[in-house]
Amino acid sequence: MLISIIIPVIRPKKAKRCVEAIKINSGIYRSLYEIITEEDTERIGAPKMIKKMTDACTGDMVCFLGDDTIPHPGFLKYALEAMATLPDGWGMVGFDDNIRLGGQVKAAAHWLCDRRLLPLLEGAFFHTEYRHCYCDNELCARTSEMGKYVFCKKAYIYHDHVIADSKNDDPDYRRVYSHDWMAHDIILFKQRRRNNWVTPN
């Protein structure tokens, strides 16, 4: 078993902090996981970066962490224990990252997924028509409908997350949480959910 931990990077200093925390806090042998970072130099966004990195990595499981996260002690150990409780022992484990997704209290933006989910999700964990938001809502909702989702409170991930507002001058946050991008993604999510996770023509 190999876990590929993928970290799309737009903030290199924070990504380095995340990588250091993984090595200290995974809770499993270093031989059981690889860490893959790639800078999003073209600013194609998280969904497309995660698809690109998933296609390139070799792990039986894929773990997604944002570059602005700090995983806490034992996070992968606890996630694997939670994974084992799912039917047939595989699916999706949502990390406790203090994010509330559309009222889904136990949903998660960061996760550990078995690669066997990909054919059931049209080949991508985050649907790539999303610009940034609501792709995580869709993933949690779809895997829950399959009976392949478990939330693991013990797999705690501190998310250094700031929604763009008038006081936040980070250009990347302001872009991905802009009114236009948010409106696009919430409309897409509602359309796809009504249409059984297929984008209407």
Protein backbone atom coordinates (compact mmCIF):
# COMPACT_ATOMS: atom_id res chain seq x y z
CA MET A 1 0.00 0.00 0.00
CA LEU A 2 1.21 3.46 -0.90
CA ILE A 3 -0.50 6.77 -0.11
CA SER A 4 0.25 9.65 -2.47
CA ILE A 5 -0.13 12.93 -0.58
CA ILE A 6 -0.71 15.67 -3.14
CA ILE A 7 -0.30 19.36 -2.33
CA PRO A 8 -1.02 21.91 -5.07
CA VAL A 9 1.10 24.95 -4.27
CA ILE A 10 0.40 28.66 -4.61
CA ARG A 11 2.08 29.62 -1.31
CA PRO A 12 5.52 27.92 -1.22
CA LYS A 13 6.38 28.95 2.36
CA LYS A 14 3.13 27.50 3.69
CA ALA A 15 3.59 24.36 1.56
CA LYS A 16 6.99 23.78 3.17
CA ARG A 17 5.35 24.11 6.59
CA CYS A 18 2.73 21.53 5.56
CA VAL A 19 5.34 19.04 4.31
CA GLU A 20 7.32 19.31 7.54
CA ALA A 21 4.17 18.68 9.58
CA ILE A 22 3.30 15.60 7.50
CA LYS A 23 6.71 14.05 8.19
CA ILE A 24 6.37 14.64 11.92
CA ASN A 25 2.67 13.84 12.33
CA SER A 26 1.68 11.12 9.84
CA GLY A 27 1.60 8.41 12.51
CA ILE A 28 2.63 5.75 9.95
CA TYR A 29 5.90 4.50 8.47
CA ARG A 30 7.53 6.86 5.99
CA SER A 31 7.71 4.03 3.45
CA LEU A 32 3.91 3.96 3.28
CA TYR A 33 3.50 7.41 1.76
CA GLU A 34 4.98 9.80 -0.75
CA ILE A 35 4.62 13.59 -0.73
CA ILE A 36 4.09 15.30 -4.07
CA THR A 37 4.04 19.07 -4.40
CA GLU A 38 3.54 21.02 -7.59
CA GLU A 39 3.26 24.76 -7.99
CA ASP A 40 0.19 25.99 -9.82
CA THR A 41 2.19 28.44 -11.92
CA GLU A 42 -0.63 28.92 -14.45
CA ARG A 43 -3.26 29.36 -11.72
CA ILE A 44 -5.50 26.66 -13.17
CA GLY A 45 -7.06 26.13 -9.75
CA ALA A 46 -7.39 23.33 -7.22
CA PRO A 47 -9.81 21.01 -9.08
CA LYS A 48 -7.67 20.86 -12.23
CA MET A 49 -4.42 20.65 -10.26
CA ILE A 50 -5.76 17.76 -8.17
CA LYS A 51 -6.82 15.91 -11.33
CA LYS A 52 -3.40 16.50 -12.91
CA MET A 53 -1.53 15.35 -9.80
CA THR A 54 -3.80 12.34 -9.25
CA ASP A 55 -3.22 11.17 -12.82
CA ALA A 56 0.55 11.45 -12.31
CA CYS A 57 0.90 9.79 -8.90
CA THR A 58 1.10 6.07 -8.23
CA GLY A 59 -0.42 5.55 -4.79
CA ASP A 60 -3.25 3.11 -4.09
CA MET A 61 -4.76 5.97 -2.09
CA VAL A 62 -4.61 9.70 -2.66
CA CYS A 63 -4.56 12.26 0.15
CA PHE A 64 -5.29 15.89 -0.64
CA LEU A 65 -3.96 18.68 1.57
CA GLY A 66 -4.01 22.38 0.81
CA ASP A 67 -0.72 24.24 1.10
CA ASP A 68 -2.32 26.25 3.91
CA THR A 69 -2.93 23.21 6.13
CA ILE A 70 -1.05 21.78 9.10
CA PRO A 71 -1.88 18.11 9.81
CA HIS A 72 -1.87 17.19 13.48
CA PRO A 73 -0.34 14.09 15.12
CA GLY A 74 -1.52 10.71 13.85
CA PHE A 75 -3.71 12.09 11.07
CA LEU A 76 -2.92 9.36 8.53
CA LYS A 77 -2.97 6.61 11.13
CA TYR A 78 -6.44 7.63 12.23
CA ALA A 79 -7.60 8.08 8.64
CA LEU A 80 -6.52 4.54 7.74
CA GLU A 81 -8.33 3.17 10.79
CA ALA A 82 -11.48 5.00 9.66
CA MET A 83 -11.05 3.75 6.08
CA ALA A 84 -11.07 0.16 7.36
CA THR A 85 -14.58 0.66 8.78
CA LEU A 86 -16.09 1.30 5.31
CA PRO A 87 -17.76 -1.48 3.31
CA ASP A 88 -15.01 -3.63 1.76
CA GLY A 89 -12.49 -1.38 3.54
CA TRP A 90 -12.24 1.40 0.96
CA GLY A 91 -13.79 4.73 0.05
CA MET A 92 -13.27 8.28 1.30
CA VAL A 93 -12.19 9.58 4.71
CA GLY A 94 -12.93 13.23 5.43
CA PHE A 95 -10.48 15.00 7.74
CA ASP A 96 -11.68 17.31 10.49
CA ASP A 97 -10.53 20.63 9.04
CA ASN A 98 -13.18 22.82 10.70
CA ILE A 99 -14.84 23.58 7.38
CA ARG A 100 -18.62 23.45 7.14
CA LEU A 101 -19.68 22.64 3.59
CA GLY A 102 -23.18 23.77 2.75
CA GLY A 103 -24.59 22.70 6.10
CA GLN A 104 -22.91 19.30 5.97
CA VAL A 105 -21.38 19.42 9.44
CA LYS A 106 -19.31 16.28 8.88
CA ALA A 107 -18.13 17.09 5.39
CA ALA A 108 -14.52 17.95 4.65
CA ALA A 109 -12.42 19.89 2.16
CA HIS A 110 -9.32 17.70 2.74
CA TRP A 111 -9.36 13.95 2.59
CA LEU A 112 -7.94 10.49 1.96
CA CYS A 113 -9.51 8.62 -0.99
CA ASP A 114 -9.02 5.16 -2.39
CA ARG A 115 -8.20 5.27 -6.08
CA ARG A 116 -10.98 2.73 -6.75
CA LEU A 117 -13.45 5.60 -6.39
CA LEU A 118 -12.21 7.28 -9.58
CA PRO A 119 -14.22 5.20 -12.10
CA LEU A 120 -17.34 6.02 -10.05
CA LEU A 121 -16.52 9.75 -10.24
CA GLU A 122 -15.78 10.10 -13.96
CA GLY A 123 -12.05 9.94 -13.25
CA ALA A 124 -11.63 12.94 -10.94
CA PHE A 125 -12.04 13.37 -7.20
CA PHE A 126 -12.87 17.08 -7.69
CA HIS A 127 -15.01 17.67 -10.76
CA THR A 128 -12.97 19.99 -12.96
CA GLU A 129 -15.79 22.29 -14.10
CA TYR A 130 -15.63 23.92 -10.67
CA ARG A 131 -13.32 26.90 -10.36
CA HIS A 132 -12.53 26.40 -6.67
CA CYS A 133 -15.53 25.99 -4.37
CA TYR A 134 -18.23 23.32 -4.00
CA CYS A 135 -16.14 20.57 -5.61
CA ASP A 136 -15.57 19.30 -2.07
CA ASN A 137 -19.32 19.45 -1.35
CA GLU A 138 -19.91 17.29 -4.42
CA LEU A 139 -17.25 14.74 -3.53
CA CYS A 140 -18.57 14.31 0.02
CA ALA A 141 -22.18 14.11 -1.17
CA ARG A 142 -21.47 11.56 -3.89
CA THR A 143 -19.33 9.25 -1.76
CA SER A 144 -21.94 9.48 1.02
CA GLU A 145 -24.63 8.41 -1.44
CA MET A 146 -22.45 5.42 -2.36
CA GLY A 147 -22.04 4.44 1.29
CA LYS A 148 -18.31 5.05 0.84
CA TYR A 149 -17.75 8.07 3.10
CA VAL A 150 -16.67 8.36 6.70
CA PHE A 151 -15.74 11.48 8.64
CA CYS A 152 -12.76 11.09 10.98
CA LYS A 153 -12.67 13.65 13.75
CA LYS A 154 -9.38 12.25 15.07
CA ALA A 155 -7.68 13.03 11.74
CA TYR A 156 -7.40 16.73 12.53
CA ILE A 157 -6.04 19.19 9.98
CA TYR A 158 -5.55 22.81 10.98
CA HIS A 159 -6.64 24.90 8.00
CA ASP A 160 -5.07 28.34 7.93
CA HIS A 161 -8.02 29.48 5.88
CA VAL A 162 -9.10 33.06 5.28
CA ILE A 163 -12.09 33.87 3.11
CA ALA A 164 -11.43 36.91 0.94
CA ASP A 165 -12.90 40.11 2.26
CA SER A 166 -12.11 43.79 2.30
CA LYS A 167 -9.35 43.22 4.87
CA ASN A 168 -7.60 40.39 3.04
CA ASP A 169 -5.09 41.50 0.41
CA ASP A 170 -4.01 37.98 -0.67
CA PRO A 171 -4.70 38.08 -4.44
CA ASP A 172 -5.23 34.31 -4.71
CA TYR A 173 -7.84 34.23 -1.97
CA ARG A 174 -9.56 37.27 -3.43
CA ARG A 175 -9.68 35.57 -6.84
CA VAL A 176 -10.98 32.16 -5.82
CA TYR A 177 -13.55 33.58 -3.39
CA SER A 178 -14.67 36.41 -5.65
CA HIS A 179 -18.38 36.93 -6.17
CA ASP A 180 -18.15 35.72 -9.79
CA TRP A 181 -16.28 32.53 -8.97
CA MET A 182 -18.48 31.69 -5.97
CA ALA A 183 -21.66 32.32 -7.99
CA HIS A 184 -20.41 30.10 -10.82
CA ASP A 185 -19.57 27.22 -8.49
CA ILE A 186 -22.73 27.28 -6.40
CA ILE A 187 -24.91 27.35 -9.53
CA LEU A 188 -22.92 24.45 -11.00
CA PHE A 189 -23.27 22.44 -7.78
CA LYS A 190 -27.04 22.92 -7.63
CA GLN A 191 -27.44 22.04 -11.32
CA ARG A 192 -25.33 18.90 -11.06
CA ARG A 193 -27.02 17.74 -7.87
CA ARG A 194 -30.48 18.12 -9.42
CA ASN A 195 -29.28 16.28 -12.54
CA ASN A 196 -27.77 13.27 -10.73
CA TRP A 197 -24.24 14.71 -10.86
CA VAL A 198 -24.26 15.35 -14.60
CA THR A 199 -23.84 18.90 -15.88
CA PRO A 200 -26.93 19.85 -17.92
CA ASN A 201 -26.31 20.78 -21.55
